[in-house]
Structures are given as C-alpha cells and as structure tokens.
N, C-alpha and C. Protein backbone atom coordinates (compact mmCIF):
# COMPACT_ATOMS: atom_id res chain seq x y z
N UNK A 1 -44.15 71.83 21.11
CA UNK A 1 -43.90 71.10 22.26
C UNK A 1 -42.47 71.21 22.73
N UNK A 2 -42.63 71.51 24.28
CA UNK A 2 -41.58 72.16 25.04
C UNK A 2 -40.78 71.03 26.00
N UNK A 3 -39.61 71.28 26.01
CA UNK A 3 -38.99 70.34 26.91
C UNK A 3 -38.45 71.27 28.11
N UNK A 4 -39.00 70.81 29.56
CA UNK A 4 -38.43 71.62 30.64
C UNK A 4 -37.92 70.69 31.65
N UNK A 5 -36.50 70.99 32.14
CA UNK A 5 -35.79 70.38 32.85
C UNK A 5 -35.91 71.32 34.46
N UNK A 6 -36.66 70.83 35.33
CA UNK A 6 -36.64 71.46 36.77
C UNK A 6 -35.41 71.00 37.52
N UNK A 7 -34.76 72.14 37.52
CA UNK A 7 -33.45 72.15 38.64
C UNK A 7 -32.59 70.66 38.34
N UNK A 8 -32.27 70.62 37.25
CA UNK A 8 -31.47 69.73 36.75
C UNK A 8 -29.78 69.41 37.31
N UNK A 9 -29.07 68.27 37.89
CA UNK A 9 -28.16 68.46 38.34
C UNK A 9 -26.83 67.94 37.55
N UNK A 10 -27.06 67.19 36.79
CA UNK A 10 -25.81 66.39 35.89
C UNK A 10 -25.93 67.00 34.70
N UNK A 11 -24.51 67.62 34.32
CA UNK A 11 -24.35 68.41 33.18
C UNK A 11 -24.72 67.44 32.05
N UNK A 12 -24.33 66.21 32.07
CA UNK A 12 -24.69 65.35 30.85
C UNK A 12 -25.77 65.04 30.58
N UNK A 13 -26.55 64.88 31.27
CA UNK A 13 -28.31 64.73 31.10
C UNK A 13 -28.86 65.90 30.35
N UNK A 14 -28.33 66.92 31.01
CA UNK A 14 -28.84 68.29 30.25
C UNK A 14 -28.19 68.54 28.99
N UNK A 15 -27.00 68.15 28.51
CA UNK A 15 -26.39 68.27 27.46
C UNK A 15 -27.04 67.40 26.57
N UNK A 16 -27.21 66.13 27.10
CA UNK A 16 -28.11 65.19 26.01
C UNK A 16 -29.55 65.61 25.40
N UNK A 17 -30.28 66.03 26.59
CA UNK A 17 -31.46 66.74 26.06
C UNK A 17 -31.06 67.72 25.29
N UNK A 18 -30.17 68.61 25.48
CA UNK A 18 -30.11 69.80 24.34
C UNK A 18 -29.66 68.96 22.74
N UNK A 19 -28.99 68.13 22.91
CA UNK A 19 -28.56 67.60 21.57
C UNK A 19 -30.08 67.03 21.06
N UNK A 20 -30.92 66.36 21.97
CA UNK A 20 -32.11 65.77 21.54
C UNK A 20 -32.97 67.08 21.19
N UNK A 21 -32.82 68.29 21.72
CA UNK A 21 -33.84 69.27 21.19
C UNK A 21 -33.31 70.06 19.89
N UNK A 22 -31.72 70.06 19.93
CA UNK A 22 -31.75 70.39 18.35
C UNK A 22 -31.79 69.45 17.39
N UNK A 23 -31.93 68.09 17.68
CA UNK A 23 -32.31 66.98 16.57
C UNK A 23 -33.70 67.38 16.03
N UNK A 24 -34.59 67.81 17.07
CA UNK A 24 -36.00 67.90 16.76
C UNK A 24 -36.67 69.24 16.51
N UNK A 25 -35.65 70.13 16.76
CA UNK A 25 -35.97 71.50 16.79
C UNK A 25 -36.85 72.03 17.47
N UNK A 26 -36.74 71.49 18.94
CA UNK A 26 -37.48 72.04 20.12
C UNK A 26 -36.70 72.86 20.83
N UNK A 27 -37.46 73.70 21.71
CA UNK A 27 -36.81 74.47 22.75
C UNK A 27 -36.65 73.53 24.17
N UNK A 28 -35.05 73.91 24.67
CA UNK A 28 -35.14 73.09 26.10
C UNK A 28 -34.97 74.37 26.81
N UNK A 29 -35.88 74.53 27.87
CA UNK A 29 -35.71 74.94 29.12
C UNK A 29 -35.40 74.40 30.32
N UNK A 30 -34.66 75.07 31.03
CA UNK A 30 -34.08 74.70 32.24
C UNK A 30 -34.32 75.61 33.49
N UNK A 31 -34.86 75.10 34.28
CA UNK A 31 -35.45 75.72 35.54
C UNK A 31 -34.49 75.94 36.73
N UNK A 32 -33.66 77.06 37.12
CA UNK A 32 -32.92 77.18 38.25
C UNK A 32 -33.30 76.67 39.62
N UNK A 33 -32.39 76.45 40.65
CA UNK A 33 -31.18 76.24 40.34
C UNK A 33 -30.87 75.24 39.64
N UNK A 34 -29.69 75.55 38.87
CA UNK A 34 -28.87 74.11 38.39
C UNK A 34 -27.89 73.70 39.18
N UNK A 35 -27.82 72.41 38.85
CA UNK A 35 -26.52 71.76 39.67
C UNK A 35 -25.26 71.77 38.87
N UNK A 36 -24.97 72.82 38.01
CA UNK A 36 -23.84 72.85 37.31
C UNK A 36 -23.80 74.34 36.58
N UNK A 37 -22.66 74.80 36.26
CA UNK A 37 -22.65 76.09 35.36
C UNK A 37 -23.26 75.90 33.70
N UNK A 38 -23.54 76.70 33.24
CA UNK A 38 -23.55 76.88 31.78
C UNK A 38 -22.13 76.68 30.98
N UNK A 39 -21.33 77.09 31.90
CA UNK A 39 -19.90 76.90 31.28
C UNK A 39 -19.32 75.62 31.51
N UNK A 40 -20.01 74.67 32.13
CA UNK A 40 -19.59 73.47 32.49
C UNK A 40 -18.71 72.71 31.20
N UNK A 41 -17.69 72.10 31.13
CA UNK A 41 -17.06 71.40 29.92
C UNK A 41 -17.76 70.33 29.51
N UNK A 42 -18.65 69.46 30.62
CA UNK A 42 -19.09 67.94 30.44
C UNK A 42 -20.71 68.46 29.70
N UNK A 43 -21.02 69.53 29.97
CA UNK A 43 -22.08 70.04 29.32
C UNK A 43 -22.23 70.22 27.91
N UNK A 44 -21.16 70.97 27.82
CA UNK A 44 -20.55 71.55 26.11
C UNK A 44 -20.31 70.24 25.93
N UNK A 45 -19.61 69.28 26.14
CA UNK A 45 -19.26 68.20 25.57
C UNK A 45 -20.48 67.26 25.21
N UNK A 46 -21.46 67.18 26.04
CA UNK A 46 -22.46 66.32 26.02
C UNK A 46 -23.29 66.68 24.74
N UNK A 47 -23.22 68.35 24.67
CA UNK A 47 -24.18 68.59 23.51
C UNK A 47 -23.63 68.85 21.68
N UNK A 48 -22.09 68.24 22.22
CA UNK A 48 -21.20 68.44 20.90
C UNK A 48 -21.20 69.74 20.54
N UNK A 49 -21.05 69.61 18.99
CA UNK A 49 -21.11 70.70 18.24
C UNK A 49 -22.50 71.18 18.02
N UNK A 50 -23.34 71.03 18.41
CA UNK A 50 -24.93 71.21 18.23
C UNK A 50 -25.38 72.44 18.95
N UNK A 51 -24.34 73.18 19.83
CA UNK A 51 -24.96 74.23 20.59
C UNK A 51 -25.72 75.22 19.56
N UNK A 52 -24.94 75.68 18.53
CA UNK A 52 -25.61 76.79 17.76
C UNK A 52 -27.17 76.38 17.43
N UNK A 53 -27.39 75.05 17.40
CA UNK A 53 -28.59 74.73 16.90
C UNK A 53 -29.76 74.68 17.99
N UNK A 54 -29.30 74.86 19.16
CA UNK A 54 -29.94 74.75 20.40
C UNK A 54 -30.42 76.11 20.55
N UNK A 55 -31.94 75.78 21.12
CA UNK A 55 -32.53 77.15 21.77
C UNK A 55 -32.70 76.92 23.04
N UNK A 56 -31.83 77.30 23.72
CA UNK A 56 -31.68 77.12 25.15
C UNK A 56 -32.37 78.28 26.25
N UNK A 57 -33.49 78.21 27.02
CA UNK A 57 -33.90 79.13 27.75
C UNK A 57 -33.63 78.70 29.44
N UNK A 58 -33.01 79.79 29.95
CA UNK A 58 -33.14 79.54 31.60
C UNK A 58 -34.18 80.20 32.18
N UNK A 59 -34.87 79.88 33.06
CA UNK A 59 -35.67 80.40 33.91
C UNK A 59 -35.32 80.51 35.37
N UNK A 60 -35.34 81.71 35.83
CA UNK A 60 -35.07 81.80 37.28
C UNK A 60 -35.98 80.81 38.28
N UNK A 61 -37.11 80.63 38.06
CA UNK A 61 -38.33 79.65 38.80
C UNK A 61 -39.17 79.35 37.87
N UNK A 62 -40.05 78.57 38.67
CA UNK A 62 -41.18 77.60 37.98
C UNK A 62 -42.00 78.64 37.51
N UNK A 63 -42.35 80.14 38.31
CA UNK A 63 -43.16 81.02 38.13
C UNK A 63 -42.85 81.67 36.82
N UNK A 64 -41.66 81.66 36.52
CA UNK A 64 -41.11 82.20 35.29
C UNK A 64 -41.52 81.40 34.30
N UNK A 65 -41.33 80.15 34.46
CA UNK A 65 -41.77 79.26 33.34
C UNK A 65 -43.26 79.42 33.16
N UNK A 66 -44.21 79.35 33.78
CA UNK A 66 -45.53 79.43 34.01
C UNK A 66 -45.78 80.78 33.12
N UNK A 67 -44.93 81.87 33.22
CA UNK A 67 -45.56 83.18 32.61
C UNK A 67 -45.07 83.08 31.13
N UNK A 68 -44.01 82.78 31.05
CA UNK A 68 -43.45 82.40 29.60
C UNK A 68 -44.05 81.74 28.78
N UNK A 69 -44.31 80.46 29.42
CA UNK A 69 -44.87 79.66 28.10
C UNK A 69 -46.64 79.73 28.43
N UNK A 70 -46.91 79.96 29.29
CA UNK A 70 -48.30 80.12 29.72
C UNK A 70 -49.20 81.17 28.33
N UNK A 71 -48.46 82.04 27.92
CA UNK A 71 -49.05 83.04 27.06
C UNK A 71 -48.84 82.32 25.39
N UNK A 72 -48.01 81.16 24.90
CA UNK A 72 -47.83 80.76 23.82
C UNK A 72 -49.04 79.81 23.32
N UNK A 73 -50.00 79.75 24.23
CA UNK A 73 -51.03 78.92 23.47
C UNK A 73 -52.35 79.26 24.01
N UNK A 74 -53.37 79.02 23.28
CA UNK A 74 -54.84 79.32 23.73
C UNK A 74 -55.27 78.53 24.90
N UNK A 75 -54.71 77.14 24.73
CA UNK A 75 -55.07 76.23 25.86
C UNK A 75 -54.46 76.56 27.35
N UNK A 76 -55.19 76.51 28.18
CA UNK A 76 -54.61 76.90 29.69
C UNK A 76 -53.32 76.01 29.83
N UNK A 77 -52.15 76.60 30.65
CA UNK A 77 -50.88 76.12 30.85
C UNK A 77 -51.12 75.00 31.83
N UNK A 78 -51.95 75.15 32.63
CA UNK A 78 -52.05 73.83 33.45
C UNK A 78 -52.37 72.36 32.55
N UNK A 79 -53.33 72.71 31.48
CA UNK A 79 -53.57 71.49 30.64
C UNK A 79 -52.90 70.98 29.89
N UNK A 80 -51.61 71.96 29.43
CA UNK A 80 -50.56 71.33 28.46
C UNK A 80 -49.51 70.68 29.46
N UNK A 81 -49.56 70.61 30.78
CA UNK A 81 -48.41 69.83 31.47
C UNK A 81 -48.41 68.62 31.30
N UNK A 82 -47.36 67.86 31.14
CA UNK A 82 -47.21 66.67 31.24
C UNK A 82 -45.86 66.46 32.32
N UNK A 83 -45.94 66.14 33.57
CA UNK A 83 -45.01 66.13 34.84
C UNK A 83 -44.60 64.91 34.89
N UNK A 84 -43.49 64.26 34.51
CA UNK A 84 -42.81 62.99 34.46
C UNK A 84 -42.44 62.80 35.79
N UNK A 85 -42.84 61.91 36.23
CA UNK A 85 -42.22 61.18 37.67
C UNK A 85 -42.01 59.72 37.38
N UNK A 86 -41.21 58.96 38.22
CA UNK A 86 -40.99 57.67 38.45
C UNK A 86 -41.94 57.36 39.50
N UNK A 87 -43.01 57.80 40.27
CA UNK A 87 -44.15 57.49 40.84
C UNK A 87 -45.52 57.83 40.84
N UNK A 88 -46.36 57.44 39.89
CA UNK A 88 -47.73 57.62 39.88
C UNK A 88 -48.00 58.05 38.62
N UNK A 89 -49.18 58.27 38.37
CA UNK A 89 -49.89 58.84 37.02
C UNK A 89 -50.03 57.81 36.26
N UNK A 90 -49.92 58.42 34.85
CA UNK A 90 -50.57 57.49 33.85
C UNK A 90 -49.45 56.96 32.97
N UNK A 91 -49.39 55.91 32.58
CA UNK A 91 -48.28 55.29 31.57
C UNK A 91 -47.79 56.27 30.36
N UNK A 92 -46.84 56.25 29.98
CA UNK A 92 -45.99 57.21 28.81
C UNK A 92 -47.10 56.47 27.53
N UNK A 93 -47.08 55.32 27.68
CA UNK A 93 -47.79 54.78 26.42
C UNK A 93 -49.34 54.47 26.53
N UNK A 94 -49.91 55.22 27.51
CA UNK A 94 -51.40 55.23 27.55
C UNK A 94 -51.98 56.63 27.77
N UNK A 95 -50.96 57.53 27.61
CA UNK A 95 -51.16 59.13 27.88
C UNK A 95 -51.25 59.77 26.28
N UNK A 96 -52.40 60.50 26.34
CA UNK A 96 -52.50 61.12 25.12
C UNK A 96 -51.77 62.51 24.96
N UNK A 97 -51.19 63.17 23.89
CA UNK A 97 -50.42 64.21 23.90
C UNK A 97 -50.68 65.35 22.89
N UNK A 98 -50.69 66.30 23.41
CA UNK A 98 -51.21 67.34 21.91
C UNK A 98 -49.72 68.29 21.75
N UNK A 99 -49.77 68.87 20.56
CA UNK A 99 -48.68 69.52 19.83
C UNK A 99 -48.30 70.38 20.81
N UNK A 100 -48.88 71.33 21.68
CA UNK A 100 -48.35 72.42 22.56
C UNK A 100 -48.11 71.88 23.75
N UNK A 101 -47.90 70.63 24.04
CA UNK A 101 -47.69 70.22 25.29
C UNK A 101 -46.24 70.55 26.03
N UNK A 102 -46.61 70.63 27.34
CA UNK A 102 -45.12 70.98 28.13
C UNK A 102 -44.65 69.70 28.76
N UNK A 103 -43.79 69.07 28.34
CA UNK A 103 -43.09 67.99 28.77
C UNK A 103 -41.88 68.32 30.01
N UNK A 104 -42.31 67.99 31.44
CA UNK A 104 -41.68 68.31 32.41
C UNK A 104 -40.99 67.40 33.29
N UNK A 105 -39.75 67.43 33.44
CA UNK A 105 -38.64 66.42 34.18
C UNK A 105 -37.99 67.11 35.53
N UNK A 106 -38.01 66.27 36.17
CA UNK A 106 -37.23 66.86 37.27
C UNK A 106 -35.89 66.64 37.50
N UNK A 107 -35.19 67.04 38.60
CA UNK A 107 -33.80 66.90 38.72
C UNK A 107 -33.48 65.03 38.90
N UNK A 108 -32.32 64.96 38.86
CA UNK A 108 -32.08 63.24 38.93
C UNK A 108 -32.01 62.64 40.18
N UNK A 109 -31.85 63.31 41.41
CA UNK A 109 -32.22 62.99 42.61
C UNK A 109 -33.14 63.06 43.26
N UNK A 110 -33.90 64.34 42.89
CA UNK A 110 -35.21 64.54 43.77
C UNK A 110 -36.21 64.52 42.96
N UNK A 111 -36.20 64.51 41.47
CA UNK A 111 -37.02 64.32 40.99
C UNK A 111 -38.37 65.79 40.76
N UNK A 112 -39.16 65.93 40.34
CA UNK A 112 -39.93 67.09 40.25
C UNK A 112 -40.43 67.58 41.76
N UNK A 113 -40.46 68.73 42.06
CA UNK A 113 -40.80 69.63 43.24
C UNK A 113 -42.13 68.71 43.44
N UNK A 114 -42.22 68.44 45.03
CA UNK A 114 -43.48 68.09 45.74
C UNK A 114 -44.63 68.87 45.29
N UNK A 115 -44.37 70.17 45.48
CA UNK A 115 -45.53 71.12 45.46
C UNK A 115 -46.10 71.16 43.81
N UNK A 116 -45.28 71.02 42.99
CA UNK A 116 -45.67 70.91 41.81
C UNK A 116 -46.51 69.71 41.37
N UNK A 117 -46.01 68.74 41.60
CA UNK A 117 -46.68 67.40 41.69
C UNK A 117 -48.12 67.52 42.26
N UNK A 118 -47.99 67.94 43.55
CA UNK A 118 -49.68 68.08 44.42
C UNK A 118 -50.30 68.81 43.59
N UNK A 119 -50.24 69.99 42.95
CA UNK A 119 -50.84 70.87 42.30
C UNK A 119 -51.50 70.68 41.23
N UNK A 120 -50.81 69.21 40.58
CA UNK A 120 -51.42 68.75 39.28
C UNK A 120 -51.25 67.37 39.33
N UNK A 121 -51.97 66.75 40.27
CA UNK A 121 -51.63 65.19 40.43
C UNK A 121 -52.19 64.31 39.01
N UNK A 122 -53.34 64.98 38.11
CA UNK A 122 -53.85 64.27 37.08
C UNK A 122 -52.89 64.43 35.86
N UNK A 123 -52.04 65.17 36.10
CA UNK A 123 -50.76 65.58 34.86
C UNK A 123 -49.71 64.94 34.89
N UNK A 124 -49.48 63.71 35.89
CA UNK A 124 -48.19 63.12 36.14
C UNK A 124 -48.45 61.92 35.03
N UNK A 125 -47.05 61.69 34.49
CA UNK A 125 -46.92 60.65 33.61
C UNK A 125 -45.68 59.70 34.16
N UNK A 126 -45.72 58.72 33.69
CA UNK A 126 -44.40 57.54 34.18
C UNK A 126 -44.24 56.71 32.91
N UNK A 127 -42.69 56.40 33.04
CA UNK A 127 -42.25 55.17 32.20
C UNK A 127 -42.54 53.76 33.00
N UNK A 128 -43.05 52.71 32.47
CA UNK A 128 -43.20 51.62 33.03
C UNK A 128 -41.79 50.98 33.36
N UNK A 129 -41.51 50.49 34.73
CA UNK A 129 -40.36 49.92 34.97
C UNK A 129 -40.54 48.76 36.22
N UNK A 130 -39.71 47.75 36.02
CA UNK A 130 -39.61 46.89 37.58
C UNK A 130 -39.50 47.72 38.46
N UNK A 131 -40.48 46.89 39.71
CA UNK A 131 -40.36 47.61 40.91
C UNK A 131 -39.15 47.54 41.71
N UNK A 132 -38.16 46.51 41.20
CA UNK A 132 -36.82 46.74 41.68
C UNK A 132 -35.97 47.87 41.12
N UNK A 133 -36.08 48.45 40.20
CA UNK A 133 -35.35 49.72 39.72
C UNK A 133 -35.94 51.14 40.31
N UNK A 134 -35.41 51.70 40.89
CA UNK A 134 -35.90 52.93 41.38
C UNK A 134 -36.24 54.06 39.92
N UNK A 135 -35.57 54.29 39.42
CA UNK A 135 -35.66 55.36 38.16
C UNK A 135 -34.82 55.10 37.18
N UNK A 136 -35.18 55.65 36.05
CA UNK A 136 -34.22 55.33 34.91
C UNK A 136 -33.56 56.96 34.91
N UNK A 137 -32.54 56.75 33.73
CA UNK A 137 -31.64 58.11 33.68
C UNK A 137 -32.53 59.08 33.12
N UNK A 138 -32.33 60.18 33.49
CA UNK A 138 -33.01 61.37 33.20
C UNK A 138 -32.82 61.60 31.39
N UNK A 139 -31.51 61.70 31.02
CA UNK A 139 -31.71 61.53 29.53
C UNK A 139 -32.32 60.66 28.65
N UNK A 140 -32.41 59.07 29.22
CA UNK A 140 -33.06 58.28 28.55
C UNK A 140 -34.38 58.84 28.70
N UNK A 141 -34.95 59.27 29.70
CA UNK A 141 -36.67 59.45 29.85
C UNK A 141 -37.00 60.63 28.85
N UNK A 142 -36.02 61.67 28.81
CA UNK A 142 -36.42 62.69 28.17
C UNK A 142 -36.19 62.57 26.37
N UNK A 143 -35.54 61.57 26.05
CA UNK A 143 -35.57 60.87 24.73
C UNK A 143 -36.74 60.21 24.58
N UNK A 144 -37.01 59.34 25.09
CA UNK A 144 -38.25 58.25 24.96
C UNK A 144 -39.49 59.09 25.20
N UNK A 145 -39.84 59.96 26.05
CA UNK A 145 -41.21 60.62 26.46
C UNK A 145 -41.20 61.81 25.17
N UNK A 146 -39.97 62.23 24.88
CA UNK A 146 -40.39 63.30 23.44
C UNK A 146 -40.46 62.59 22.41
N UNK A 147 -39.78 61.57 21.92
CA UNK A 147 -40.41 61.10 20.79
C UNK A 147 -41.70 60.49 20.91
N UNK A 148 -42.20 59.88 21.79
CA UNK A 148 -43.16 59.02 22.11
C UNK A 148 -44.42 60.30 21.96
N UNK A 149 -44.30 61.47 22.51
CA UNK A 149 -45.46 62.51 22.77
C UNK A 149 -45.41 63.00 21.57
N UNK A 150 -44.09 63.32 20.68
CA UNK A 150 -44.30 64.19 19.23
C UNK A 150 -45.08 62.98 18.23
N UNK A 151 -44.98 61.75 18.37
CA UNK A 151 -45.63 60.95 17.34
C UNK A 151 -47.11 60.73 18.07
N UNK A 152 -47.27 60.42 19.13
CA UNK A 152 -48.91 60.40 19.77
C UNK A 152 -49.80 61.77 19.66
N UNK A 153 -48.89 62.91 19.20
CA UNK A 153 -49.71 64.08 19.16
C UNK A 153 -49.53 64.38 17.63
N UNK A 154 -49.17 63.74 16.77
CA UNK A 154 -49.17 63.55 15.52
C UNK A 154 -48.21 64.74 14.80
N UNK A 155 -47.22 65.03 15.56
CA UNK A 155 -46.18 66.09 15.39
C UNK A 155 -45.31 65.48 14.33
N UNK A 156 -45.14 65.98 12.64
CA UNK A 156 -44.00 65.07 11.95
C UNK A 156 -42.77 65.14 12.68
N UNK A 157 -42.03 64.25 12.49
CA UNK A 157 -40.71 64.16 13.13
C UNK A 157 -39.80 64.60 11.74
N UNK A 158 -38.44 65.34 12.18
CA UNK A 158 -37.58 65.65 10.90
C UNK A 158 -37.46 64.27 10.04
N UNK A 159 -37.49 64.98 8.52
CA UNK A 159 -37.36 64.21 7.74
C UNK A 159 -35.94 63.86 7.43
N UNK A 160 -35.37 62.74 7.64
CA UNK A 160 -34.07 62.36 7.70
C UNK A 160 -33.69 61.01 7.23
N UNK A 161 -33.00 60.94 6.05
CA UNK A 161 -32.65 59.85 5.38
C UNK A 161 -31.36 59.15 6.01
N UNK A 162 -30.76 59.63 7.22
CA UNK A 162 -29.68 59.10 7.79
C UNK A 162 -28.50 59.89 7.04
N UNK A 163 -28.43 61.20 6.27
CA UNK A 163 -27.74 62.14 5.81
C UNK A 163 -27.26 62.90 7.04
N UNK A 164 -26.40 63.84 7.21
CA UNK A 164 -25.62 64.48 7.89
C UNK A 164 -25.05 65.89 7.07
N UNK A 165 -25.81 66.88 7.30
CA UNK A 165 -25.40 68.11 6.92
C UNK A 165 -24.79 68.85 8.09
N UNK A 166 -23.86 69.21 8.60
CA UNK A 166 -23.46 70.12 9.81
C UNK A 166 -24.36 71.48 9.76
N UNK A 167 -24.61 71.92 10.75
CA UNK A 167 -24.92 73.39 11.10
C UNK A 167 -23.83 74.47 10.69
N UNK A 168 -24.14 75.29 9.60
CA UNK A 168 -23.14 76.49 9.41
C UNK A 168 -21.96 76.90 10.43
N UNK A 169 -22.56 77.02 11.69
CA UNK A 169 -21.89 77.28 12.68
C UNK A 169 -21.31 76.19 13.73
N UNK A 170 -21.30 75.02 13.26
CA UNK A 170 -20.71 73.78 14.17
C UNK A 170 -19.19 73.83 14.43
N UNK A 171 -18.40 74.55 13.27
CA UNK A 171 -17.22 75.14 13.78
C UNK A 171 -16.85 75.56 14.40
N UNK A 172 -17.65 76.35 14.96
CA UNK A 172 -17.46 77.60 16.22
C UNK A 172 -17.37 76.99 17.24
N UNK A 173 -16.85 77.36 18.30
CA UNK A 173 -16.38 76.95 19.67
C UNK A 173 -17.75 77.88 20.28
N UNK A 174 -19.04 77.02 20.28
CA UNK A 174 -20.17 77.60 21.12
C UNK A 174 -20.40 77.09 21.99
N UNK A 175 -20.64 77.80 23.18
CA UNK A 175 -20.70 76.94 24.43
C UNK A 175 -22.04 77.66 24.93
N UNK A 176 -22.59 76.55 25.77
CA UNK A 176 -24.29 76.71 26.27
C UNK A 176 -24.59 77.99 26.86
N UNK A 177 -23.44 78.45 27.39
CA UNK A 177 -23.84 79.95 28.15
C UNK A 177 -23.84 81.18 26.82
N UNK A 178 -23.22 80.69 25.94
CA UNK A 178 -23.35 81.85 24.62
C UNK A 178 -24.88 81.62 24.12
N UNK A 179 -25.30 80.82 24.31
CA UNK A 179 -26.70 80.51 23.40
C UNK A 179 -27.89 80.53 24.28
N UNK A 180 -27.87 80.51 25.79
CA UNK A 180 -28.79 80.88 26.58
C UNK A 180 -29.48 82.06 26.77
N UNK A 181 -30.70 81.85 26.72
CA UNK A 181 -31.51 83.57 26.82
C UNK A 181 -31.93 83.00 28.47
N UNK A 182 -31.87 84.21 29.02
CA UNK A 182 -32.67 84.01 30.75
C UNK A 182 -33.71 84.73 30.85
N UNK A 183 -34.40 84.16 31.56
CA UNK A 183 -35.74 84.71 31.78
C UNK A 183 -35.88 85.09 33.50
N UNK A 184 -36.35 86.17 33.83
CA UNK A 184 -35.96 86.46 35.16
C UNK A 184 -37.29 85.98 35.89
N UNK A 185 -37.18 86.10 37.18
CA UNK A 185 -38.23 85.27 38.26
C UNK A 185 -39.50 86.65 37.69
N UNK A 186 -41.13 85.68 38.21
CA UNK A 186 -41.99 86.68 37.85
C UNK A 186 -41.98 87.79 38.78
C-alpha cells in the first residue's frame, strides 16, 4: 500500500504522514509542487527522529507517480487508486481495499486536482463528517484512512506490545531532504 500526498502545503501534516509511514513500514510519496522545502524545520520536527526509517519519494508531477507506481503491480494503476476527498464518493467505512492500493490525498486548502477527480470519479473516498464542518485535518485523515485500509485489505499491522527500540540511526541528525529520492517528470 502507498501513501501519496499531492501538493501538500503544511509541513507539519507531511511530517506526521512521514512518521505514520515509518511506523507502518510504508512509503510516503509527495507530488510537487510542495508548499514547503524538504529542509523545513517544522517538517523535520513533525517527523521527529524517525526520518532514517522513512522511505520518502518525491515526484515532479502526477505522470511521474503513474509511471513509477503503475509498474509495481499486475493490477491496473487506475484500479488501485483511492482518491480521498471531502466531497463525494464512497464512505471510507464502506470501501473495500486491496494490499496494493494507492491512497491519494490532496493539499490542505485545495484538495486533489479537479482533473484527477474527474478522471477517476468511482475511486473517490470520503471520511464521514457533519455538514457544518468543511474538512478534517490532512494528517488525521491520512492516519485514519491508512490504518482502516490496511485492516480492511487484510494486511498485518506491525506486531508491537508497546515496547520501543529506536532505529540505529535515530541519534543521527537526518533531515527529510537527505532521505528523499526524487523521481523526474515523465
């Protein structure tokens, strides 16, 4: 399963998503343009000392994501998409997930690009909220959606009894820019 943030704007939310990715052993994919630098101190702080355990991939644009992730599964890329939106689609709790799904989240102020939503209307997923609330925090939705998707897909969660054993590189001052792998545009 993949976590993809398209045009994220707030470093803290992306840092929280990175920490989640490290905790679950998933890759975090970011799609440019980003609303922050990978050297941003708030991004680093939100990810704490877990950056050495984060597999961070930065894509120049959406076609680069399609090219990179499309080749990683026998299932067609479009069938693997789960496009999270505050507006329309299927409830997260009524959606079936597969282990190779690609969970896609949009930027905090604009959501996912309209053309992406229009190209895959049946792949939209939302988290139920009251009508008086515009949207939920991106980091919260990423965490809720990722855990729900993993459980519904039958993917085993990390076996943890509450203990903590730091990564061997946790004491190193690793910054997000040092672990990021860049994927050029298509």
